Amino acid sequence: MKKGLFVMCALILVIAMAGCVRTYKFTKERVDTDVSGNQGVIYGPAPAPHTVESPNREMIGVDIELPTLKELETQPKKEK
């Protein structure tokens, strides 16, 4: 089990060092913060509207570059 985990981590590290993986941070607007209507209240006044501390969230993006099938087919084949 430990050997497999080590091999997987080593493979990820090699791919990252080869330049095939790009990580970056970006901010995105929250889409689930609008509260309208009676908010599920059947009888009586509705409570105060729900508020969020930050209207944006910080996310981490990971891009992995893989060759297409056409790129793989056009590469010259190695002879033995």
C-alpha atoms as a PDB file:
ATOM      1  CA  MET A   1       0.000   0.000   0.000  1.00  0.00           C
ATOM      2  CA  LYS A   2       2.752   2.434   0.960  1.00  0.00           C
ATOM      3  CA  LYS A   3       4.773   1.528  -2.116  1.00  0.00           C
ATOM      4  CA  GLY A   4       1.847   2.283  -4.431  1.00  0.00           C
ATOM      5  CA  LEU A   5       1.239   5.635  -2.747  1.00  0.00           C
ATOM      6  CA  PHE A   6       4.939   6.499  -3.075  1.00  0.00           C
ATOM      7  CA  VAL A   7       4.940   5.591  -6.781  1.00  0.00           C
ATOM      8  CA  MET A   8       1.816   7.697  -7.397  1.00  0.00           C
ATOM      9  CA  CYS A   9       3.308  10.730  -5.615  1.00  0.00           C
ATOM     10  CA  ALA A  10       6.571  10.335  -7.531  1.00  0.00           C
ATOM     11  CA  LEU A  11       4.672  10.160 -10.837  1.00  0.00           C
ATOM     12  CA  ILE A  12       2.711  13.314 -10.040  1.00  0.00           C
ATOM     13  CA  LEU A  13       5.928  15.098  -9.089  1.00  0.00           C
ATOM     14  CA  VAL A  14       7.643  14.082 -12.343  1.00  0.00           C
ATOM     15  CA  ILE A  15       4.684  15.244 -14.437  1.00  0.00           C
ATOM     16  CA  ALA A  16       4.567  18.569 -12.579  1.00  0.00           C
ATOM     17  CA  MET A  17       8.272  19.126 -13.109  1.00  0.00           C
ATOM     18  CA  ALA A  18       7.955  18.323 -16.811  1.00  0.00           C
ATOM     19  CA  GLY A  19       5.700  21.331 -17.293  1.00  0.00           C
ATOM     20  CA  CYS A  20       2.532  19.442 -18.184  1.00  0.00           C
ATOM     21  CA  VAL A  21       0.662  20.695 -15.116  1.00  0.00           C
ATOM     22  CA  ARG A  22      -0.153  24.320 -14.339  1.00  0.00           C
ATOM     23  CA  THR A  23      -1.779  25.426 -11.083  1.00  0.00           C
ATOM     24  CA  TYR A  24      -3.129  28.893 -10.367  1.00  0.00           C
ATOM     25  CA  LYS A  25      -5.471  30.742  -8.004  1.00  0.00           C
ATOM     26  CA  PHE A  26      -8.465  32.787  -9.127  1.00  0.00           C
ATOM     27  CA  THR A  27     -11.511  34.415  -7.583  1.00  0.00           C
ATOM     28  CA  LYS A  28     -15.035  33.638  -8.631  1.00  0.00           C
ATOM     29  CA  GLU A  29     -18.305  35.286  -7.649  1.00  0.00           C
ATOM     30  CA  ARG A  30     -20.563  33.248  -5.396  1.00  0.00           C
ATOM     31  CA  VAL A  31     -23.795  32.305  -7.129  1.00  0.00           C
ATOM     32  CA  ASP A  32     -25.632  30.813  -4.156  1.00  0.00           C
ATOM     33  CA  THR A  33     -25.950  33.941  -1.988  1.00  0.00           C
ATOM     34  CA  ASP A  34     -29.235  35.405  -3.260  1.00  0.00           C
ATOM     35  CA  VAL A  35     -32.036  34.624  -0.795  1.00  0.00           C
ATOM     36  CA  SER A  36     -35.554  35.677  -1.713  1.00  0.00           C
ATOM     37  CA  GLY A  37     -39.103  34.800  -0.779  1.00  0.00           C
ATOM     38  CA  ASN A  38     -40.312  33.684   2.620  1.00  0.00           C
ATOM     39  CA  GLN A  39     -37.299  31.353   3.174  1.00  0.00           C
ATOM     40  CA  GLY A  40     -39.516  28.417   4.144  1.00  0.00           C
ATOM     41  CA  VAL A  41     -41.536  30.238   6.803  1.00  0.00           C
ATOM     42  CA  ILE A  42     -45.171  29.118   6.776  1.00  0.00           C
ATOM     43  CA  TYR A  43     -46.616  31.435   9.412  1.00  0.00           C
ATOM     44  CA  GLY A  44     -45.277  34.704  10.829  1.00  0.00           C
ATOM     45  CA  PRO A  45     -42.634  37.154   9.693  1.00  0.00           C
ATOM     46  CA  ALA A  46     -39.629  35.979   7.710  1.00  0.00           C
ATOM     47  CA  PRO A  47     -36.250  36.166   9.460  1.00  0.00           C
ATOM     48  CA  ALA A  48     -33.570  38.631   8.425  1.00  0.00           C
ATOM     49  CA  PRO A  49     -32.058  37.880   5.008  1.00  0.00           C
ATOM     50  CA  HIS A  50     -29.047  35.606   4.927  1.00  0.00           C
ATOM     51  CA  THR A  51     -25.766  37.489   4.526  1.00  0.00           C
ATOM     52  CA  VAL A  52     -22.371  36.249   3.411  1.00  0.00           C
ATOM     53  CA  GLU A  53     -19.067  37.705   4.622  1.00  0.00           C
ATOM     54  CA  SER A  54     -17.415  37.678   1.210  1.00  0.00           C
ATOM     55  CA  PRO A  55     -19.289  37.754  -2.120  1.00  0.00           C
ATOM     56  CA  ASN A  56     -16.277  36.131  -3.850  1.00  0.00           C
ATOM     57  CA  ARG A  57     -14.520  32.839  -3.252  1.00  0.00           C
ATOM     58  CA  GLU A  58     -10.912  31.965  -3.959  1.00  0.00           C
ATOM     59  CA  MET A  59     -10.441  28.806  -5.992  1.00  0.00           C
ATOM     60  CA  ILE A  60      -7.453  26.796  -7.197  1.00  0.00           C
ATOM     61  CA  GLY A  61      -7.316  25.761 -10.851  1.00  0.00           C
ATOM     62  CA  VAL A  62      -5.255  22.895 -12.252  1.00  0.00           C
ATOM     63  CA  ASP A  63      -4.607  22.535 -15.992  1.00  0.00           C
ATOM     64  CA  ILE A  64      -3.114  19.292 -17.302  1.00  0.00           C
ATOM     65  CA  GLU A  65      -1.824  19.292 -20.868  1.00  0.00           C
ATOM     66  CA  LEU A  66      -2.253  16.010 -22.714  1.00  0.00           C
ATOM     67  CA  PRO A  67      -1.365  15.402 -26.359  1.00  0.00           C
ATOM     68  CA  THR A  68      -4.235  14.819 -28.763  1.00  0.00           C
ATOM     69  CA  LEU A  69      -4.613  11.633 -30.780  1.00  0.00           C
ATOM     70  CA  LYS A  70      -3.572  13.464 -33.952  1.00  0.00           C
ATOM     71  CA  GLU A  71      -0.352  14.680 -32.294  1.00  0.00           C
ATOM     72  CA  LEU A  72       0.459  11.135 -31.178  1.00  0.00           C
ATOM     73  CA  GLU A  73      -0.126   9.721 -34.664  1.00  0.00           C
ATOM     74  CA  THR A  74       2.096  12.300 -36.406  1.00  0.00           C
ATOM     75  CA  GLN A  75       5.112  11.680 -34.181  1.00  0.00           C
ATOM     76  CA  PRO A  76       7.850   9.682 -35.914  1.00  0.00           C
ATOM     77  CA  LYS A  77       7.980   6.080 -34.761  1.00  0.00           C
ATOM     78  CA  LYS A  78      11.149   4.826 -33.130  1.00  0.00           C
ATOM     79  CA  GLU A  79      12.770   1.826 -34.763  1.00  0.00           C
ATOM     80  CA  LYS A  80      14.245  -0.949 -32.671  1.00  0.00           C
END
